[in-house]
Amino acid sequence: MKATFTPAAAKALAAMPKRDSAALMKKIMQFAAAPFAPNPAAKHLTGMNGAVRVRHGDWRAICRVNRGIETVVVEFVGNRKEIYR
């Protein structure tokens, strides 16, 4: 599968520190390569139907898997203090 980013997620990823954004991007791509395989950085979120969070340190990416077009859509990227609000 491939990964796509919403404009807000792409903007937030660009605003992150480079080291953290590169590491989070790597984990997002690993998740997108095999979204149904066990992944220590990914966890299904309860209460958010079909959402998965990918984590690196204090940074989170909220993703949804679209099986119809075989794409992982990254909807939100942000610090753990703000991402779940």
Protein backbone atom coordinates (compact mmCIF):
# COMPACT_ATOMS: atom_id res chain seq x y z
CA MET A 1 0.00 0.00 0.00
CA LYS A 2 1.06 3.57 -0.41
CA ALA A 3 0.80 6.42 2.07
CA THR A 4 -0.90 9.73 1.35
CA PHE A 5 -1.07 12.79 3.58
CA THR A 6 -3.81 15.32 4.12
CA PRO A 7 -2.63 18.92 3.65
CA ALA A 8 -2.81 19.52 7.42
CA ALA A 9 -0.74 16.40 8.15
CA ALA A 10 1.88 17.33 5.55
CA LYS A 11 2.15 20.85 6.97
CA ALA A 12 2.50 19.56 10.54
CA LEU A 13 5.13 17.02 9.46
CA ALA A 14 7.13 19.76 7.76
CA ALA A 15 6.97 21.93 10.91
CA MET A 16 8.40 19.18 13.15
CA PRO A 17 12.09 18.95 13.99
CA LYS A 18 13.86 17.25 11.07
CA ARG A 19 15.20 14.33 13.07
CA ASP A 20 11.78 13.51 14.51
CA SER A 21 9.94 14.01 11.22
CA ALA A 22 12.34 11.67 9.42
CA ALA A 23 11.93 8.98 12.09
CA LEU A 24 8.13 9.32 12.13
CA MET A 25 8.03 9.23 8.34
CA LYS A 26 10.08 6.02 8.36
CA LYS A 27 7.63 4.41 10.79
CA ILE A 28 4.65 5.56 8.72
CA MET A 29 6.17 3.99 5.61
CA GLN A 30 6.88 0.74 7.47
CA PHE A 31 3.26 0.66 8.61
CA ALA A 32 1.97 1.44 5.12
CA ALA A 33 4.05 -1.37 3.61
CA ALA A 34 2.23 -3.94 5.79
CA PRO A 35 -0.72 -2.32 7.61
CA PHE A 36 -2.18 -5.62 8.82
CA ALA A 37 1.07 -7.11 10.13
CA PRO A 38 2.13 -6.63 13.77
CA ASN A 39 3.99 -3.34 14.18
CA PRO A 40 5.35 -2.11 17.54
CA ALA A 41 4.91 1.55 16.54
CA ALA A 42 1.25 1.19 15.46
CA LYS A 43 -1.84 0.71 17.58
CA HIS A 44 -5.54 0.66 16.72
CA LEU A 45 -7.41 3.43 18.51
CA THR A 46 -10.60 2.68 20.39
CA GLY A 47 -13.37 5.20 19.93
CA MET A 48 -12.07 6.31 16.53
CA ASN A 49 -13.54 3.86 14.06
CA GLY A 50 -10.77 2.36 11.95
CA ALA A 51 -8.05 4.76 13.08
CA VAL A 52 -4.49 3.70 13.81
CA ARG A 53 -1.84 5.75 15.57
CA VAL A 54 1.81 5.52 14.63
CA ARG A 55 4.14 6.74 17.35
CA HIS A 56 7.68 8.08 17.59
CA GLY A 57 8.67 9.52 20.96
CA ASP A 58 6.22 12.32 21.77
CA TRP A 59 4.99 12.55 18.17
CA ARG A 60 1.91 10.79 16.78
CA ALA A 61 0.37 10.25 13.36
CA ILE A 62 -3.29 9.26 13.08
CA CYS A 63 -3.90 7.10 10.00
CA ARG A 64 -6.77 5.28 8.33
CA VAL A 65 -6.41 2.31 6.00
CA ASN A 66 -8.50 2.57 2.84
CA ARG A 67 -8.75 -0.95 1.43
CA GLY A 68 -10.71 0.17 -1.64
CA ILE A 69 -7.85 2.15 -3.14
CA GLU A 70 -5.11 0.37 -1.15
CA THR A 71 -3.87 3.50 0.57
CA VAL A 72 -2.97 4.52 4.10
CA VAL A 73 -4.21 8.08 4.65
CA VAL A 74 -2.31 10.07 7.29
CA GLU A 75 -4.92 12.48 8.63
CA PHE A 76 -3.21 14.17 11.58
CA VAL A 77 0.35 14.62 12.82
CA GLY A 78 1.25 16.27 16.08
CA ASN A 79 2.58 16.14 19.60
CA ARG A 80 0.92 13.64 21.93
CA LYS A 81 -0.30 16.50 24.15
CA GLU A 82 -2.43 17.94 21.34
CA ILE A 83 -3.17 15.17 18.83
CA TYR A 84 -6.04 13.47 20.70
CA ARG A 85 -8.08 16.64 21.36
